[in-house]
Amino acid sequence: MPFDYLWECLYYPVTNQDFYEGKTTPNPSKPRFSYPDSITAYAALSPVQQDIAAAARIEASGLRNSMVFDRLQHLKLRIENSKRQEEAEMQNAEVGRRNASVKVFNSALEEYNESIRQFNVYIDYYNAQFKPQRSDAEIQRMVDGCDSLIRTARTQLGGVATDDTQIKSSIVSLNRSIDELAGRVAEQQDWLKKYFSKGKMGRRSMFRKITWFGIPLN
């Protein structure tokens, strides 16, 4: 007598109570059970879904003796363990996704911090009225390097997909800082165009004291 009446392979399964009473002849007056279709459906289930379905059938058939009861308890324990394992795997997956988002965010932050450092180096050089002397191309590369780092930081931030509130807040804050730095860099890009268009005397009169952008973020 199977614990799970699915494996009786009968269109009119015998319940545990029927079995104890010796009523093992199929009874067509009962609801017809399409066991071939049920077995096909059972085979398509995941292991934990199979256990849940089996436990429901065993319980419905009646807990007539201790062996049936023990089998049901064994299935319920296995179901509970499977659910805990699934929850742990989901939590681990969520931690993995968060760590991946943090990694990309930190990479963008590093690009931003490096752009600040390079821009402040440029500001120091600007405030020294571009002394010691460098070529126009070298000066332009100083600002272009900052712009490139900013663009990289933006691209990396755009690739962060997360539902984490803290990370989202950090992204908004960093984007705001990047926008501010990008504005300062753009100002210098425009200023350099005018500067390079002038002669030696005209260039000298263009300098105005400017301050550092700020300090890198942590």
N, C-alpha and C. Protein backbone atom coordinates (compact mmCIF):
# COMPACT_ATOMS: atom_id res chain seq x y z
N MET A 1 0.86 -1.19 0.00
CA MET A 1 0.00 0.00 0.00
C MET A 1 0.90 1.24 0.00
N PRO A 2 0.96 1.98 -1.10
CA PRO A 2 1.82 3.17 -1.15
C PRO A 2 1.37 4.22 -0.15
N PHE A 3 2.34 4.98 0.38
CA PHE A 3 1.98 6.11 1.24
C PHE A 3 1.16 7.12 0.44
N ASP A 4 1.60 7.39 -0.80
CA ASP A 4 0.95 8.36 -1.68
C ASP A 4 0.08 7.60 -2.68
N TYR A 5 -1.24 7.86 -2.65
CA TYR A 5 -2.14 7.08 -3.52
C TYR A 5 -1.88 7.32 -5.00
N LEU A 6 -1.07 8.32 -5.35
CA LEU A 6 -0.72 8.52 -6.76
C LEU A 6 -0.10 7.24 -7.33
N TRP A 7 0.69 6.56 -6.50
CA TRP A 7 1.44 5.39 -6.98
C TRP A 7 0.66 4.08 -6.88
N GLU A 8 -0.62 4.18 -6.51
CA GLU A 8 -1.48 3.01 -6.66
C GLU A 8 -1.80 2.77 -8.14
N CYS A 9 -1.65 3.87 -8.91
CA CYS A 9 -1.94 3.80 -10.36
C CYS A 9 -3.35 3.25 -10.62
N LEU A 10 -4.30 3.79 -9.88
CA LEU A 10 -5.71 3.40 -10.02
C LEU A 10 -6.55 4.64 -10.31
N TYR A 11 -7.58 4.44 -11.12
CA TYR A 11 -8.48 5.55 -11.40
C TYR A 11 -9.40 5.83 -10.21
N TYR A 12 -9.53 4.81 -9.34
CA TYR A 12 -10.34 4.96 -8.13
C TYR A 12 -9.48 4.50 -6.96
N PRO A 13 -8.59 5.37 -6.45
CA PRO A 13 -7.63 4.97 -5.42
C PRO A 13 -8.31 4.45 -4.15
N VAL A 14 -7.57 3.58 -3.47
CA VAL A 14 -8.00 3.02 -2.19
C VAL A 14 -7.40 3.88 -1.08
N THR A 15 -8.25 4.34 -0.15
CA THR A 15 -7.74 5.15 0.96
C THR A 15 -7.17 4.23 2.03
N ASN A 16 -6.46 4.81 2.97
CA ASN A 16 -5.91 4.02 4.07
C ASN A 16 -7.02 3.37 4.88
N GLN A 17 -8.08 4.11 5.08
CA GLN A 17 -9.21 3.54 5.84
C GLN A 17 -9.83 2.38 5.07
N ASP A 18 -9.99 2.55 3.74
CA ASP A 18 -10.51 1.46 2.91
C ASP A 18 -9.63 0.23 3.04
N PHE A 19 -8.32 0.44 3.01
CA PHE A 19 -7.37 -0.68 3.06
C PHE A 19 -7.51 -1.45 4.37
N TYR A 20 -7.66 -0.69 5.48
CA TYR A 20 -7.80 -1.34 6.78
C TYR A 20 -9.11 -2.13 6.87
N GLU A 21 -10.09 -1.62 6.14
CA GLU A 21 -11.39 -2.30 6.17
C GLU A 21 -11.50 -3.38 5.10
N GLY A 22 -10.42 -3.58 4.36
CA GLY A 22 -10.40 -4.63 3.35
C GLY A 22 -11.14 -4.26 2.07
N LYS A 23 -11.41 -2.98 1.88
CA LYS A 23 -12.13 -2.54 0.69
C LYS A 23 -11.11 -2.12 -0.38
N THR A 24 -10.52 -3.12 -1.04
CA THR A 24 -9.46 -2.84 -2.00
C THR A 24 -9.92 -2.90 -3.45
N THR A 25 -11.20 -3.22 -3.65
CA THR A 25 -11.73 -3.25 -5.03
C THR A 25 -12.05 -1.82 -5.46
N PRO A 26 -11.60 -1.41 -6.67
CA PRO A 26 -11.89 -0.04 -7.15
C PRO A 26 -13.38 0.24 -7.10
N ASN A 27 -13.73 1.43 -6.62
CA ASN A 27 -15.12 1.84 -6.45
C ASN A 27 -15.45 2.96 -7.43
N PRO A 28 -16.12 2.63 -8.55
CA PRO A 28 -16.46 3.65 -9.57
C PRO A 28 -17.40 4.74 -9.09
N SER A 29 -18.00 4.57 -7.92
CA SER A 29 -18.90 5.61 -7.41
C SER A 29 -18.11 6.80 -6.85
N LYS A 30 -16.81 6.58 -6.64
CA LYS A 30 -15.95 7.67 -6.16
C LYS A 30 -15.56 8.56 -7.34
N PRO A 31 -15.06 9.79 -7.04
CA PRO A 31 -14.57 10.66 -8.12
C PRO A 31 -13.39 9.99 -8.85
N ARG A 32 -13.41 10.06 -10.17
CA ARG A 32 -12.35 9.42 -10.97
C ARG A 32 -11.06 10.22 -10.84
N PHE A 33 -9.97 9.52 -10.60
CA PHE A 33 -8.66 10.14 -10.45
C PHE A 33 -7.80 9.77 -11.67
N SER A 34 -7.47 10.76 -12.48
CA SER A 34 -6.68 10.49 -13.69
C SER A 34 -5.20 10.42 -13.31
N TYR A 35 -4.80 9.22 -12.87
CA TYR A 35 -3.42 9.08 -12.39
C TYR A 35 -2.36 9.29 -13.49
N PRO A 36 -2.62 8.90 -14.78
CA PRO A 36 -1.57 9.16 -15.79
C PRO A 36 -1.28 10.66 -15.94
N ASP A 37 -2.34 11.45 -15.99
CA ASP A 37 -2.14 12.90 -16.10
C ASP A 37 -1.48 13.46 -14.84
N SER A 38 -1.88 12.92 -13.70
CA SER A 38 -1.31 13.40 -12.43
C SER A 38 0.17 13.06 -12.32
N ILE A 39 0.56 11.89 -12.82
CA ILE A 39 1.98 11.50 -12.79
C ILE A 39 2.78 12.40 -13.74
N THR A 40 2.20 12.70 -14.89
CA THR A 40 2.87 13.61 -15.84
C THR A 40 3.07 14.98 -15.21
N ALA A 41 2.03 15.48 -14.55
CA ALA A 41 2.12 16.79 -13.89
C ALA A 41 3.13 16.75 -12.75
N TYR A 42 3.14 15.64 -12.00
CA TYR A 42 4.07 15.47 -10.89
C TYR A 42 5.51 15.50 -11.38
N ALA A 43 5.77 14.85 -12.49
CA ALA A 43 7.14 14.78 -13.03
C ALA A 43 7.65 16.14 -13.45
N ALA A 44 6.73 17.05 -13.78
CA ALA A 44 7.14 18.39 -14.23
C ALA A 44 7.43 19.33 -13.07
N LEU A 45 7.11 18.91 -11.85
CA LEU A 45 7.30 19.76 -10.68
C LEU A 45 8.75 19.73 -10.21
N SER A 46 9.12 20.76 -9.47
CA SER A 46 10.43 20.78 -8.82
C SER A 46 10.39 19.80 -7.65
N PRO A 47 11.54 19.37 -7.12
CA PRO A 47 11.55 18.42 -5.99
C PRO A 47 10.71 18.88 -4.79
N VAL A 48 10.83 20.16 -4.43
CA VAL A 48 10.06 20.62 -3.27
C VAL A 48 8.57 20.67 -3.59
N GLN A 49 8.21 21.00 -4.82
CA GLN A 49 6.79 20.99 -5.21
C GLN A 49 6.25 19.57 -5.24
N GLN A 50 7.06 18.62 -5.63
CA GLN A 50 6.66 17.21 -5.60
C GLN A 50 6.37 16.77 -4.17
N ASP A 51 7.23 17.18 -3.24
CA ASP A 51 7.03 16.82 -1.84
C ASP A 51 5.76 17.46 -1.29
N ILE A 52 5.50 18.71 -1.66
CA ILE A 52 4.29 19.40 -1.18
C ILE A 52 3.04 18.70 -1.69
N ALA A 53 3.06 18.33 -2.98
CA ALA A 53 1.91 17.64 -3.56
C ALA A 53 1.70 16.27 -2.91
N ALA A 54 2.79 15.54 -2.69
CA ALA A 54 2.71 14.21 -2.08
C ALA A 54 2.18 14.30 -0.66
N ALA A 55 2.66 15.30 0.11
CA ALA A 55 2.21 15.48 1.49
C ALA A 55 0.71 15.76 1.54
N ALA A 56 0.23 16.57 0.60
CA ALA A 56 -1.20 16.89 0.56
C ALA A 56 -2.03 15.64 0.28
N ARG A 57 -1.56 14.78 -0.64
CA ARG A 57 -2.31 13.55 -0.96
C ARG A 57 -2.28 12.57 0.20
N ILE A 58 -1.12 12.45 0.85
CA ILE A 58 -1.01 11.53 1.99
C ILE A 58 -1.94 11.96 3.11
N GLU A 59 -1.97 13.26 3.39
CA GLU A 59 -2.82 13.76 4.46
C GLU A 59 -4.29 13.56 4.11
N ALA A 60 -4.62 13.77 2.83
CA ALA A 60 -6.01 13.61 2.40
C ALA A 60 -6.46 12.15 2.49
N SER A 61 -5.52 11.24 2.34
CA SER A 61 -5.85 9.81 2.37
C SER A 61 -6.07 9.29 3.78
N GLY A 62 -5.65 10.06 4.79
CA GLY A 62 -5.87 9.65 6.18
C GLY A 62 -4.62 9.10 6.84
N LEU A 63 -4.32 9.59 8.05
CA LEU A 63 -3.14 9.14 8.80
C LEU A 63 -3.54 7.97 9.69
N ARG A 64 -3.66 6.80 9.05
CA ARG A 64 -4.26 5.64 9.73
C ARG A 64 -3.28 4.94 10.66
N ASN A 65 -1.98 5.07 10.44
CA ASN A 65 -1.01 4.41 11.33
C ASN A 65 0.25 5.26 11.48
N SER A 66 1.13 4.81 12.35
CA SER A 66 2.33 5.59 12.67
C SER A 66 3.28 5.68 11.48
N MET A 67 3.32 4.66 10.63
CA MET A 67 4.21 4.71 9.48
C MET A 67 3.79 5.82 8.51
N VAL A 68 2.49 5.94 8.29
CA VAL A 68 1.99 7.00 7.41
C VAL A 68 2.28 8.36 8.04
N PHE A 69 2.04 8.46 9.36
CA PHE A 69 2.31 9.71 10.06
C PHE A 69 3.78 10.09 9.96
N ASP A 70 4.68 9.11 10.18
CA ASP A 70 6.12 9.37 10.10
C ASP A 70 6.54 9.80 8.69
N ARG A 71 5.92 9.15 7.69
CA ARG A 71 6.24 9.52 6.31
C ARG A 71 5.83 10.96 6.04
N LEU A 72 4.65 11.35 6.52
CA LEU A 72 4.18 12.72 6.33
C LEU A 72 5.10 13.71 7.03
N GLN A 73 5.50 13.40 8.25
CA GLN A 73 6.39 14.29 8.99
C GLN A 73 7.74 14.42 8.29
N HIS A 74 8.21 13.30 7.75
CA HIS A 74 9.48 13.32 7.01
C HIS A 74 9.37 14.27 5.79
N LEU A 75 8.26 14.17 5.08
CA LEU A 75 8.06 15.04 3.92
C LEU A 75 7.98 16.51 4.34
N LYS A 76 7.24 16.78 5.41
CA LYS A 76 7.10 18.16 5.87
C LYS A 76 8.44 18.73 6.30
N LEU A 77 9.26 17.92 6.95
CA LEU A 77 10.60 18.37 7.35
C LEU A 77 11.45 18.66 6.12
N ARG A 78 11.36 17.78 5.13
CA ARG A 78 12.13 17.97 3.90
C ARG A 78 11.67 19.23 3.16
N ILE A 79 10.34 19.46 3.17
CA ILE A 79 9.80 20.67 2.55
C ILE A 79 10.33 21.92 3.27
N GLU A 80 10.30 21.88 4.60
CA GLU A 80 10.77 23.02 5.38
C GLU A 80 12.25 23.29 5.11
N ASN A 81 13.05 22.23 5.06
CA ASN A 81 14.48 22.39 4.79
C ASN A 81 14.72 22.95 3.39
N SER A 82 13.92 22.49 2.44
CA SER A 82 14.05 22.98 1.06
C SER A 82 13.72 24.46 0.98
N LYS A 83 12.66 24.85 1.70
CA LYS A 83 12.27 26.26 1.70
C LYS A 83 13.35 27.12 2.33
N ARG A 84 13.93 26.62 3.41
CA ARG A 84 15.01 27.38 4.06
C ARG A 84 16.21 27.51 3.13
N GLN A 85 16.50 26.44 2.42
CA GLN A 85 17.61 26.48 1.48
C GLN A 85 17.34 27.48 0.35
N GLU A 86 16.09 27.47 -0.15
CA GLU A 86 15.71 28.42 -1.21
C GLU A 86 15.82 29.85 -0.70
N GLU A 87 15.38 30.09 0.53
CA GLU A 87 15.46 31.43 1.11
C GLU A 87 16.92 31.86 1.25
N ALA A 88 17.77 30.92 1.71
CA ALA A 88 19.19 31.23 1.86
C ALA A 88 19.83 31.54 0.51
N GLU A 89 19.44 30.76 -0.51
CA GLU A 89 19.99 31.01 -1.85
C GLU A 89 19.53 32.36 -2.39
N MET A 90 18.27 32.71 -2.12
CA MET A 90 17.76 34.02 -2.56
C MET A 90 18.49 35.14 -1.85
N GLN A 91 18.73 34.96 -0.54
CA GLN A 91 19.45 35.97 0.22
C GLN A 91 20.88 36.11 -0.29
N ASN A 92 21.52 34.97 -0.57
CA ASN A 92 22.89 35.01 -1.09
C ASN A 92 22.94 35.69 -2.45
N ALA A 93 21.91 35.41 -3.28
CA ALA A 93 21.85 36.04 -4.59
C ALA A 93 21.67 37.55 -4.45
N GLU A 94 20.84 37.97 -3.49
CA GLU A 94 20.61 39.39 -3.26
C GLU A 94 21.89 40.06 -2.76
N VAL A 95 22.59 39.37 -1.86
CA VAL A 95 23.87 39.91 -1.37
C VAL A 95 24.87 40.03 -2.52
N GLY A 96 24.86 39.01 -3.40
CA GLY A 96 25.75 39.05 -4.55
C GLY A 96 25.44 40.21 -5.48
N ARG A 97 24.15 40.44 -5.72
CA ARG A 97 23.75 41.57 -6.57
C ARG A 97 24.13 42.90 -5.93
N ARG A 98 23.94 43.00 -4.61
CA ARG A 98 24.28 44.25 -3.92
C ARG A 98 25.79 44.48 -3.97
N ASN A 99 26.56 43.41 -3.74
CA ASN A 99 28.01 43.56 -3.78
C ASN A 99 28.49 43.98 -5.17
N ALA A 100 27.83 43.43 -6.20
CA ALA A 100 28.20 43.80 -7.58
C ALA A 100 27.89 45.27 -7.82
N SER A 101 26.74 45.74 -7.32
CA SER A 101 26.38 47.15 -7.48
C SER A 101 27.35 48.05 -6.73
N VAL A 102 27.72 47.64 -5.53
CA VAL A 102 28.67 48.43 -4.73
C VAL A 102 30.03 48.49 -5.44
N LYS A 103 30.42 47.38 -6.03
CA LYS A 103 31.71 47.34 -6.74
C LYS A 103 31.73 48.33 -7.90
N VAL A 104 30.64 48.34 -8.69
CA VAL A 104 30.56 49.27 -9.82
C VAL A 104 30.51 50.71 -9.32
N PHE A 105 29.73 50.94 -8.25
CA PHE A 105 29.64 52.28 -7.68
C PHE A 105 31.01 52.76 -7.21
N ASN A 106 31.73 51.89 -6.51
CA ASN A 106 33.05 52.27 -6.00
C ASN A 106 34.03 52.57 -7.14
N SER A 107 33.89 51.83 -8.23
CA SER A 107 34.74 52.10 -9.39
C SER A 107 34.44 53.49 -9.96
N ALA A 108 33.15 53.83 -10.04
CA ALA A 108 32.76 55.17 -10.51
C ALA A 108 33.28 56.24 -9.56
N LEU A 109 33.21 55.95 -8.27
CA LEU A 109 33.69 56.89 -7.27
C LEU A 109 35.19 57.13 -7.41
N GLU A 110 35.94 56.06 -7.69
CA GLU A 110 37.38 56.19 -7.89
C GLU A 110 37.68 57.08 -9.11
N GLU A 111 36.91 56.89 -10.19
CA GLU A 111 37.10 57.72 -11.38
C GLU A 111 36.81 59.18 -11.05
N TYR A 112 35.75 59.41 -10.30
CA TYR A 112 35.39 60.77 -9.91
C TYR A 112 36.49 61.39 -9.05
N ASN A 113 36.96 60.65 -8.05
CA ASN A 113 38.00 61.17 -7.16
C ASN A 113 39.29 61.48 -7.93
N GLU A 114 39.61 60.63 -8.89
CA GLU A 114 40.81 60.88 -9.69
C GLU A 114 40.63 62.12 -10.56
N SER A 115 39.40 62.33 -11.05
CA SER A 115 39.15 63.53 -11.86
C SER A 115 39.30 64.78 -11.01
N ILE A 116 38.87 64.71 -9.74
CA ILE A 116 39.06 65.85 -8.82
C ILE A 116 40.55 66.12 -8.62
N ARG A 117 41.29 65.05 -8.37
CA ARG A 117 42.73 65.22 -8.13
C ARG A 117 43.40 65.87 -9.34
N GLN A 118 43.09 65.36 -10.53
CA GLN A 118 43.72 65.91 -11.73
C GLN A 118 43.26 67.35 -11.99
N PHE A 119 41.99 67.63 -11.71
CA PHE A 119 41.48 68.98 -11.95
C PHE A 119 42.14 69.97 -10.99
N ASN A 120 42.35 69.55 -9.75
CA ASN A 120 43.00 70.44 -8.79
C ASN A 120 44.47 70.67 -9.14
N VAL A 121 45.11 69.65 -9.73
CA VAL A 121 46.47 69.84 -10.24
C VAL A 121 46.46 70.90 -11.34
N TYR A 122 45.45 70.81 -12.20
CA TYR A 122 45.32 71.81 -13.26
C TYR A 122 45.09 73.20 -12.67
N ILE A 123 44.23 73.31 -11.63
CA ILE A 123 43.95 74.60 -11.00
C ILE A 123 45.23 75.20 -10.43
N ASP A 124 46.03 74.37 -9.76
CA ASP A 124 47.31 74.87 -9.22
C ASP A 124 48.18 75.42 -10.34
N TYR A 125 48.20 74.69 -11.46
CA TYR A 125 49.00 75.12 -12.60
C TYR A 125 48.43 76.40 -13.21
N TYR A 126 47.10 76.48 -13.26
CA TYR A 126 46.44 77.69 -13.75
C TYR A 126 46.79 78.88 -12.87
N ASN A 127 46.68 78.71 -11.54
CA ASN A 127 46.95 79.81 -10.62
C ASN A 127 48.42 80.24 -10.66
N ALA A 128 49.27 79.35 -11.13
CA ALA A 128 50.68 79.71 -11.33
C ALA A 128 50.90 80.32 -12.71
N GLN A 129 49.77 80.62 -13.39
CA GLN A 129 49.78 81.20 -14.74
C GLN A 129 50.57 80.33 -15.72
N PHE A 130 50.29 79.03 -15.59
CA PHE A 130 50.86 78.01 -16.49
C PHE A 130 52.39 78.05 -16.51
N LYS A 131 52.96 78.11 -15.32
CA LYS A 131 54.42 78.06 -15.17
C LYS A 131 54.77 76.91 -14.25
N PRO A 132 55.82 76.13 -14.55
CA PRO A 132 56.69 76.24 -15.73
C PRO A 132 55.92 75.99 -17.03
N GLN A 133 56.43 76.50 -18.10
CA GLN A 133 55.73 76.51 -19.37
C GLN A 133 55.54 75.10 -19.94
N ARG A 134 54.34 74.88 -20.48
CA ARG A 134 54.03 73.64 -21.20
C ARG A 134 53.38 74.03 -22.53
N SER A 135 53.35 73.07 -23.44
CA SER A 135 52.72 73.34 -24.73
C SER A 135 51.21 73.45 -24.56
N ASP A 136 50.57 74.10 -25.53
CA ASP A 136 49.10 74.21 -25.48
C ASP A 136 48.45 72.83 -25.45
N ALA A 137 49.01 71.89 -26.21
CA ALA A 137 48.45 70.54 -26.27
C ALA A 137 48.53 69.85 -24.90
N GLU A 138 49.63 70.06 -24.18
CA GLU A 138 49.79 69.45 -22.85
C GLU A 138 48.78 70.04 -21.88
N ILE A 139 48.58 71.35 -21.96
CA ILE A 139 47.61 72.00 -21.07
C ILE A 139 46.20 71.49 -21.38
N GLN A 140 45.90 71.39 -22.67
CA GLN A 140 44.58 70.89 -23.06
C GLN A 140 44.35 69.47 -22.56
N ARG A 141 45.37 68.66 -22.61
CA ARG A 141 45.24 67.26 -22.15
C ARG A 141 44.95 67.18 -20.66
N MET A 142 45.42 68.15 -19.90
CA MET A 142 45.15 68.15 -18.46
C MET A 142 43.64 68.23 -18.20
N VAL A 143 42.97 69.10 -18.93
CA VAL A 143 41.52 69.26 -18.75
C VAL A 143 40.76 68.13 -19.44
N ASP A 144 41.25 67.73 -20.61
CA ASP A 144 40.59 66.63 -21.33
C ASP A 144 40.62 65.34 -20.50
N GLY A 145 41.71 65.12 -19.76
CA GLY A 145 41.81 63.94 -18.91
C GLY A 145 40.74 63.93 -17.83
N CYS A 146 40.47 65.12 -17.26
CA CYS A 146 39.42 65.24 -16.25
C CYS A 146 38.06 64.92 -16.86
N ASP A 147 37.84 65.47 -18.06
CA ASP A 147 36.56 65.25 -18.74
C ASP A 147 36.36 63.76 -19.05
N SER A 148 37.42 63.08 -19.46
CA SER A 148 37.32 61.66 -19.77
C SER A 148 36.98 60.84 -18.53
N LEU A 149 37.60 61.18 -17.41
CA LEU A 149 37.31 60.48 -16.16
C LEU A 149 35.86 60.69 -15.72
N ILE A 150 35.38 61.91 -15.91
CA ILE A 150 33.98 62.21 -15.56
C ILE A 150 33.02 61.39 -16.41
N ARG A 151 33.30 61.30 -17.70
CA ARG A 151 32.44 60.53 -18.59
C ARG A 151 32.43 59.05 -18.20
N THR A 152 33.60 58.54 -17.83
CA THR A 152 33.68 57.14 -17.40
C THR A 152 32.88 56.91 -16.14
N ALA A 153 32.99 57.84 -15.19
CA ALA A 153 32.23 57.73 -13.93
C ALA A 153 30.73 57.73 -14.21
N ARG A 154 30.29 58.60 -15.11
CA ARG A 154 28.86 58.66 -15.45
C ARG A 154 28.39 57.33 -16.05
N THR A 155 29.19 56.80 -16.97
CA THR A 155 28.82 55.54 -17.63
C THR A 155 28.72 54.41 -16.62
N GLN A 156 29.67 54.35 -15.71
CA GLN A 156 29.65 53.29 -14.70
C GLN A 156 28.45 53.42 -13.78
N LEU A 157 28.13 54.63 -13.37
CA LEU A 157 26.97 54.83 -12.51
C LEU A 157 25.69 54.44 -13.22
N GLY A 158 25.63 54.71 -14.51
CA GLY A 158 24.45 54.35 -15.28
C GLY A 158 24.25 52.85 -15.38
N GLY A 159 25.31 52.10 -15.14
CA GLY A 159 25.22 50.64 -15.20
C GLY A 159 24.87 49.99 -13.89
N VAL A 160 24.69 50.79 -12.83
CA VAL A 160 24.33 50.23 -11.52
C VAL A 160 22.82 50.02 -11.47
N ALA A 161 22.40 48.76 -11.42
CA ALA A 161 20.98 48.41 -11.31
C ALA A 161 20.73 47.86 -9.91
N THR A 162 19.99 48.60 -9.10
CA THR A 162 19.77 48.17 -7.72
C THR A 162 18.47 48.73 -7.19
N ASP A 163 17.89 48.00 -6.23
CA ASP A 163 16.72 48.47 -5.50
C ASP A 163 17.11 48.90 -4.09
N ASP A 164 18.40 48.82 -3.79
CA ASP A 164 18.88 49.18 -2.46
C ASP A 164 18.77 50.69 -2.25
N THR A 165 18.04 51.10 -1.23
CA THR A 165 17.79 52.52 -0.98
C THR A 165 19.08 53.28 -0.70
N GLN A 166 19.97 52.67 0.06
CA GLN A 166 21.22 53.34 0.41
C GLN A 166 22.09 53.57 -0.82
N ILE A 167 22.18 52.56 -1.67
CA ILE A 167 22.99 52.69 -2.88
C ILE A 167 22.36 53.73 -3.82
N LYS A 168 21.03 53.70 -3.95
CA LYS A 168 20.35 54.69 -4.79
C LYS A 168 20.64 56.11 -4.32
N SER A 169 20.59 56.30 -3.01
CA SER A 169 20.87 57.62 -2.45
C SER A 169 22.31 58.04 -2.74
N SER A 170 23.23 57.09 -2.64
CA SER A 170 24.64 57.40 -2.92
C SER A 170 24.84 57.75 -4.39
N ILE A 171 24.10 57.06 -5.27
CA ILE A 171 24.20 57.34 -6.71
C ILE A 171 23.72 58.76 -7.01
N VAL A 172 22.59 59.14 -6.40
CA VAL A 172 22.06 60.49 -6.61
C VAL A 172 23.07 61.53 -6.15
N SER A 173 23.67 61.28 -4.98
CA SER A 173 24.64 62.23 -4.42
C SER A 173 25.88 62.33 -5.30
N LEU A 174 26.38 61.18 -5.76
CA LEU A 174 27.57 61.19 -6.60
C LEU A 174 27.28 61.85 -7.95
N ASN A 175 26.12 61.59 -8.52
CA ASN A 175 25.76 62.22 -9.79
C ASN A 175 25.71 63.74 -9.65
N ARG A 176 25.22 64.20 -8.51
CA ARG A 176 25.16 65.63 -8.26
C ARG A 176 26.57 66.22 -8.20
N SER A 177 27.47 65.52 -7.53
CA SER A 177 28.85 65.99 -7.44
C SER A 177 29.54 65.96 -8.80
N ILE A 178 29.24 64.91 -9.57
CA ILE A 178 29.82 64.80 -10.92
C ILE A 178 29.34 65.96 -11.79
N ASP A 179 28.05 66.29 -11.68
CA ASP A 179 27.50 67.40 -12.46
C ASP A 179 28.22 68.71 -12.13
N GLU A 180 28.46 68.90 -10.85
CA GLU A 180 29.13 70.13 -10.41
C GLU A 180 30.56 70.19 -10.96
N LEU A 181 31.27 69.07 -10.85
CA LEU A 181 32.64 69.03 -11.36
C LEU A 181 32.65 69.19 -12.88
N ALA A 182 31.70 68.54 -13.55
CA ALA A 182 31.63 68.64 -15.01
C ALA A 182 31.42 70.09 -15.44
N GLY A 183 30.64 70.83 -14.66
CA GLY A 183 30.42 72.24 -14.97
C GLY A 183 31.70 73.04 -14.86
N ARG A 184 32.48 72.76 -13.81
CA ARG A 184 33.76 73.46 -13.64
C ARG A 184 34.73 73.11 -14.76
N VAL A 185 34.76 71.85 -15.14
CA VAL A 185 35.66 71.43 -16.22
C VAL A 185 35.24 72.07 -17.54
N ALA A 186 33.92 72.12 -17.79
CA ALA A 186 33.43 72.73 -19.03
C ALA A 186 33.80 74.21 -19.08
N GLU A 187 33.76 74.89 -17.94
CA GLU A 187 34.15 76.30 -17.89
C GLU A 187 35.61 76.47 -18.33
N GLN A 188 36.43 75.55 -17.86
CA GLN A 188 37.85 75.64 -18.23
C GLN A 188 38.08 75.25 -19.68
N GLN A 189 37.29 74.34 -20.19
CA GLN A 189 37.38 74.00 -21.62
C GLN A 189 37.10 75.25 -22.46
N ASP A 190 36.05 75.97 -22.11
CA ASP A 190 35.70 77.19 -22.83
C ASP A 190 36.78 78.26 -22.65
N TRP A 191 37.27 78.35 -21.42
CA TRP A 191 38.30 79.36 -21.14
C TRP A 191 39.56 79.08 -21.96
N LEU A 192 39.93 77.82 -22.07
CA LEU A 192 41.15 77.47 -22.81
C LEU A 192 41.02 77.80 -24.30
N LYS A 193 39.81 77.63 -24.84
CA LYS A 193 39.61 77.97 -26.24
C LYS A 193 39.92 79.45 -26.48
N LYS A 194 39.46 80.30 -25.57
CA LYS A 194 39.72 81.73 -25.68
C LYS A 194 41.21 82.01 -25.44
N TYR A 195 41.75 81.31 -24.45
CA TYR A 195 43.16 81.52 -24.09
C TYR A 195 44.08 81.17 -25.26
N PHE A 196 43.83 80.02 -25.89
CA PHE A 196 44.68 79.58 -26.99
C PHE A 196 44.53 80.46 -28.23
N SER A 197 43.44 81.19 -28.31
CA SER A 197 43.21 82.05 -29.48
C SER A 197 43.95 83.39 -29.39
N LYS A 198 44.53 83.68 -28.22
CA LYS A 198 45.19 84.96 -28.02
C LYS A 198 46.70 84.85 -28.11
N GLY A 199 47.32 86.01 -28.28
CA GLY A 199 48.77 86.07 -28.28
C GLY A 199 49.31 86.10 -26.87
N LYS A 200 50.63 86.23 -26.74
CA LYS A 200 51.28 86.15 -25.44
C LYS A 200 50.77 87.21 -24.48
N MET A 201 50.67 88.45 -24.92
CA MET A 201 50.22 89.54 -24.04
C MET A 201 48.75 89.36 -23.65
N GLY A 202 47.95 88.96 -24.62
CA GLY A 202 46.53 88.76 -24.34
C GLY A 202 46.29 87.63 -23.36
N ARG A 203 47.09 86.60 -23.44
CA ARG A 203 46.94 85.47 -22.52
C ARG A 203 47.22 85.88 -21.08
N ARG A 204 48.25 86.67 -20.89
CA ARG A 204 48.67 87.03 -19.54
C ARG A 204 47.56 87.76 -18.77
N SER A 205 46.77 88.52 -19.48
CA SER A 205 45.73 89.31 -18.81
C SER A 205 44.47 88.50 -18.49
N MET A 206 44.41 87.27 -18.94
CA MET A 206 43.19 86.47 -18.76
C MET A 206 43.10 85.76 -17.42
N PHE A 207 44.23 85.63 -16.72
CA PHE A 207 44.22 84.82 -15.50
C PHE A 207 43.50 85.51 -14.36
N ARG A 208 42.66 84.75 -13.67
CA ARG A 208 41.99 85.16 -12.45
C ARG A 208 42.16 84.04 -11.44
N LYS A 209 42.34 84.39 -10.21
CA LYS A 209 42.54 83.37 -9.18
C LYS A 209 41.31 82.48 -9.07
N ILE A 210 41.47 81.16 -9.15
CA ILE A 210 40.36 80.23 -8.94
C ILE A 210 40.72 79.24 -7.84
N THR A 211 39.71 78.70 -7.20
CA THR A 211 39.93 77.81 -6.05
C THR A 211 39.83 76.35 -6.47
N TRP A 212 40.32 75.49 -5.59
CA TRP A 212 40.19 74.06 -5.79
C TRP A 212 38.72 73.68 -5.87
N PHE A 213 38.47 72.58 -6.54
CA PHE A 213 37.08 72.11 -6.63
C PHE A 213 36.59 71.59 -5.29
N GLY A 214 37.43 70.93 -4.54
CA GLY A 214 37.01 70.33 -3.27
C GLY A 214 37.90 69.16 -2.97
N ILE A 215 37.40 68.24 -2.18
CA ILE A 215 38.19 67.06 -1.81
C ILE A 215 37.47 65.81 -2.33
N PRO A 216 38.20 64.75 -2.57
CA PRO A 216 37.57 63.51 -3.02
C PRO A 216 36.56 62.98 -1.99
N LEU A 217 35.59 62.22 -2.48
CA LEU A 217 34.59 61.62 -1.59
C LEU A 217 35.04 60.26 -1.12
N ASN A 218 34.50 59.83 0.01
CA ASN A 218 34.78 58.50 0.54
C ASN A 218 33.60 57.59 0.26
